[in-house]
Protein backbone atom coordinates (compact mmCIF):
# COMPACT_ATOMS: atom_id res chain seq x y z
CA UNK A 1 41.19 58.82 58.43
CA UNK A 2 40.80 55.60 60.01
CA UNK A 3 36.93 55.88 59.80
CA UNK A 4 36.92 56.88 56.73
CA UNK A 5 38.99 54.29 55.48
CA UNK A 6 36.52 51.93 57.34
CA UNK A 7 33.62 53.40 55.42
CA UNK A 8 34.79 52.73 52.08
CA UNK A 9 35.88 49.57 52.94
CA UNK A 10 31.92 49.04 53.85
CA UNK A 11 30.62 50.56 50.73
CA UNK A 12 32.74 48.41 49.10
CA UNK A 13 31.46 45.30 50.71
CA UNK A 14 27.49 46.57 50.04
CA UNK A 15 28.18 46.88 46.20
CA UNK A 16 28.48 44.31 43.76
CA UNK A 17 32.33 43.59 42.60
CA UNK A 18 32.48 43.93 38.67
CA UNK A 19 33.91 40.32 39.25
CA UNK A 20 30.70 38.80 40.86
CA UNK A 21 28.74 40.71 37.97
CA UNK A 22 31.05 38.78 35.19
CA UNK A 23 30.17 35.50 37.27
CA UNK A 24 26.58 36.45 37.23
CA UNK A 25 26.41 37.43 33.28
CA UNK A 26 28.13 33.99 32.56
CA UNK A 27 25.80 31.96 34.74
CA UNK A 28 22.62 33.44 33.48
CA UNK A 29 22.93 32.28 29.98
CA UNK A 30 23.65 28.73 31.29
CA UNK A 31 19.50 28.69 32.69
CA UNK A 32 18.45 29.13 28.87
CA UNK A 33 20.82 26.26 27.39
CA UNK A 34 19.30 23.14 25.81
CA UNK A 35 19.37 19.74 26.46
CA UNK A 36 20.83 17.48 23.19
CA UNK A 37 18.64 14.34 24.92
CA UNK A 38 15.90 16.83 23.90
CA UNK A 39 16.87 18.29 20.70
CA UNK A 40 18.63 15.81 18.59
CA UNK A 41 19.00 18.31 15.36
CA UNK A 42 20.34 21.37 17.67
CA UNK A 43 23.97 21.55 17.14
CA UNK A 44 25.72 23.91 19.97
CA UNK A 45 29.08 23.46 19.52
CA UNK A 46 29.01 24.60 16.08
CA UNK A 47 26.04 27.84 16.75
CA UNK A 48 24.20 26.55 13.75
CA UNK A 49 20.26 26.06 14.80
CA UNK A 50 18.03 24.27 12.66
CA UNK A 51 13.92 23.52 13.25
CA UNK A 52 13.30 21.37 16.08
CA UNK A 53 11.05 18.68 15.23
CA UNK A 54 8.31 16.82 17.18
CA UNK A 55 7.45 13.70 16.12
CA UNK A 56 4.19 12.99 16.04
CA UNK A 57 2.20 10.57 17.65
CA UNK A 58 1.77 7.28 15.18
CA UNK A 59 -2.07 6.27 14.86
CA UNK A 60 -2.99 2.61 15.01
CA UNK A 61 -3.43 2.45 11.12
CA UNK A 62 0.02 3.04 10.95
CA UNK A 63 0.99 0.58 13.15
CA UNK A 64 -0.59 -2.66 10.97
CA UNK A 65 2.75 -4.07 9.50
CA UNK A 66 3.08 -6.95 6.50
CA UNK A 67 2.73 -9.73 8.85
CA UNK A 68 -0.21 -8.57 10.56
CA UNK A 69 -2.48 -8.20 7.57
CA UNK A 70 -4.37 -10.86 5.68
CA UNK A 71 -3.12 -12.15 2.53
CA UNK A 72 -4.17 -14.22 -0.63
CA UNK A 73 -1.91 -15.35 -3.17
CA UNK A 74 -1.75 -17.30 -6.35
CA UNK A 75 0.91 -19.31 -7.92
CA UNK A 76 0.74 -17.37 -11.32
CA UNK A 77 -0.44 -14.52 -12.81
CA UNK A 78 -0.71 -16.01 -16.16
CA UNK A 79 -2.85 -18.64 -17.15
CA UNK A 80 -3.53 -20.27 -20.22
CA UNK A 81 -6.98 -21.82 -20.43
CA UNK A 82 -6.22 -25.96 -21.39
CA UNK A 83 -2.21 -25.51 -21.19
CA UNK A 84 -1.61 -23.98 -17.90
CA UNK A 85 -0.99 -25.79 -14.61
CA UNK A 86 -3.98 -25.11 -12.71
CA UNK A 87 -3.58 -22.29 -10.37
CA UNK A 88 -2.93 -22.70 -6.67
CA UNK A 89 -4.76 -20.18 -3.93
CA UNK A 90 -2.90 -19.72 -0.66
CA UNK A 91 -4.68 -17.87 2.05
CA UNK A 92 -3.21 -16.87 5.66
CA UNK A 93 -5.93 -14.94 7.56
CA UNK A 94 -4.95 -13.18 10.50
CA UNK A 95 -8.84 -12.28 11.40
CA UNK A 96 -11.23 -14.96 12.48
CA UNK A 97 -12.08 -17.67 10.10
CA UNK A 98 -14.83 -19.92 9.81
CA UNK A 99 -16.08 -23.16 8.46
CA UNK A 100 -18.28 -21.11 5.81
CA UNK A 101 -15.59 -18.84 4.49
CA UNK A 102 -15.23 -18.99 0.83
CA UNK A 103 -12.72 -17.71 -2.13
CA UNK A 104 -14.57 -15.92 -5.39
CA UNK A 105 -13.08 -15.76 -8.97
CA UNK A 106 -13.95 -12.11 -10.26
CA UNK A 107 -13.33 -10.12 -12.85
CA UNK A 108 -10.66 -7.40 -12.03
CA UNK A 109 -13.23 -4.31 -11.75
CA UNK A 110 -15.63 -6.29 -9.98
CA UNK A 111 -16.73 -4.49 -6.84
CA UNK A 112 -20.24 -6.58 -5.69
CA UNK A 113 -19.38 -9.97 -3.92
CA UNK A 114 -22.36 -12.05 -5.40
CA UNK A 115 -20.74 -11.03 -8.72
CA UNK A 116 -18.51 -14.10 -9.48
CA UNK A 117 -17.39 -15.71 -11.95
CA UNK A 118 -16.96 -18.83 -9.85
CA UNK A 119 -16.32 -19.89 -6.35
CA UNK A 120 -15.11 -22.36 -4.06
CA UNK A 121 -15.80 -23.29 -0.17
CA UNK A 122 -12.04 -23.27 1.70
CA UNK A 123 -12.80 -26.48 3.73
CA UNK A 124 -14.08 -27.03 6.81
CA UNK A 125 -10.88 -27.61 8.44
CA UNK A 126 -10.65 -23.92 10.09
CA UNK A 127 -7.44 -23.14 9.64
CA UNK A 128 -5.92 -20.02 8.89
CA UNK A 129 -3.60 -21.29 6.42
CA UNK A 130 -4.34 -23.25 3.53
CA UNK A 131 -4.41 -23.89 -0.15
CA UNK A 132 -6.69 -25.20 -3.02
CA UNK A 133 -6.41 -25.80 -6.44
CA UNK A 134 -8.45 -24.04 -8.59
CA UNK A 135 -8.64 -25.05 -12.53
CA UNK A 136 -10.24 -22.64 -14.90
CA UNK A 137 -12.31 -23.65 -17.97
CA UNK A 138 -13.44 -22.15 -21.55
CA UNK A 139 -16.76 -20.39 -20.06
CA UNK A 140 -19.04 -17.66 -21.61
CA UNK A 141 -16.94 -15.51 -19.32
CA UNK A 142 -14.06 -16.27 -21.28
CA UNK A 143 -15.13 -14.93 -24.56
CA UNK A 144 -12.05 -12.64 -25.09
CA UNK A 145 -8.25 -13.83 -25.99
CA UNK A 146 -7.17 -12.24 -22.80
CA UNK A 147 -9.41 -11.28 -19.84
CA UNK A 148 -7.51 -9.99 -16.30
CA UNK A 149 -9.08 -11.56 -12.86
CA UNK A 150 -8.65 -11.85 -9.38
CA UNK A 151 -9.74 -13.98 -5.98
CA UNK A 152 -10.80 -12.94 -3.36
CA UNK A 153 -11.48 -14.33 0.15
CA UNK A 154 -14.81 -13.89 1.87
CA UNK A 155 -15.56 -14.35 5.57
CA UNK A 156 -18.33 -17.22 5.97
CA UNK A 157 -20.19 -15.37 9.19
CA UNK A 158 -19.81 -11.96 8.51
CA UNK A 159 -19.21 -11.51 4.69
CA UNK A 160 -16.60 -9.16 4.97
CA UNK A 161 -13.61 -8.94 2.27
CA UNK A 162 -10.14 -10.81 4.13
CA UNK A 163 -8.14 -10.30 1.09
CA UNK A 164 -7.36 -9.86 -2.56
CA UNK A 165 -4.67 -12.06 -4.86
CA UNK A 166 -2.88 -9.70 -7.58
CA UNK A 167 -4.63 -9.53 -10.90
CA UNK A 168 -4.36 -12.90 -13.13
CA UNK A 169 -4.28 -12.57 -16.88
CA UNK A 170 -6.39 -15.92 -18.43
CA UNK A 171 -5.81 -16.19 -22.15
CA UNK A 172 -8.36 -18.53 -23.99
CA UNK A 173 -6.71 -19.43 -27.48
CA UNK A 174 -9.94 -20.95 -28.79
CA UNK A 175 -11.44 -17.18 -28.47
CA UNK A 176 -12.42 -15.86 -31.79
CA UNK A 177 -10.16 -12.55 -33.09
CA UNK A 178 -12.20 -10.14 -35.12
CA UNK A 179 -10.11 -7.49 -36.80
CA UNK A 180 -11.62 -4.20 -36.99
CA UNK A 181 -12.51 -2.81 -40.63
CA UNK A 182 -10.70 0.61 -41.65
CA UNK A 183 -11.84 2.72 -43.70
CA UNK A 184 -8.80 2.06 -46.05
CA UNK A 185 -10.28 -1.69 -46.22
CA UNK A 186 -13.67 -0.23 -46.97
CA UNK A 187 -12.11 1.56 -49.50
CA UNK A 188 -10.93 -1.41 -51.02
CA UNK A 189 -13.87 -3.49 -50.83
CA UNK A 190 -15.92 -0.58 -52.80
CA UNK A 191 -13.55 -0.57 -54.96
CA UNK A 192 -13.65 -4.07 -55.73
CA UNK A 193 -17.04 -4.19 -55.96
CA UNK A 194 -17.01 -1.73 -58.57
CA UNK A 195 -14.82 -3.29 -60.53
CA UNK A 196 -17.24 -6.58 -60.58
CA UNK A 197 -20.15 -4.62 -61.15
CA UNK A 198 -18.70 -3.13 -64.14
CA UNK A 199 -17.27 -6.42 -65.63
CA UNK A 200 -20.49 -7.54 -65.67
CA UNK A 201 -22.29 -4.84 -67.78
């Protein structure tokens, strides 16, 4: 009996106990636990799993902010020829500037730099910031009551477009206003002519 009890004791020590199995089962899932610092969208406490998103790398173009862009501003978005005060054009250029830089006035839908309505050299001081006064006179370009224009800043050496202003509405009160002839007006005119021709006969 003594040898039998020793044999059973050795067998019990060699085989894993139920307690050790339970401890192993409890420890194994921990190898697959999530790190909260890596997965902010995972709520482990409530057992609710959401899609884990990895932030996309940002390209250099996305890093451009309003503070790093060249700007060209105008003092007013409305100008009446002969009545409004002269416009003031402000520039803040972040890229390279040159004494030969210039500002052109264009129709709002113009895309070619050489098709300007008027232009001015920005000056020889070579500063990245500055302003210039712009007076718009009645000319053959403003034959309509209202015309939309904009101003563009060009680099003198490379010819590169640096900045563009928002649109400016130029009003010319001296421009002739043509009334379109409708069918009703045409019929009334024909009726008058018939009446006159009838009275003469």
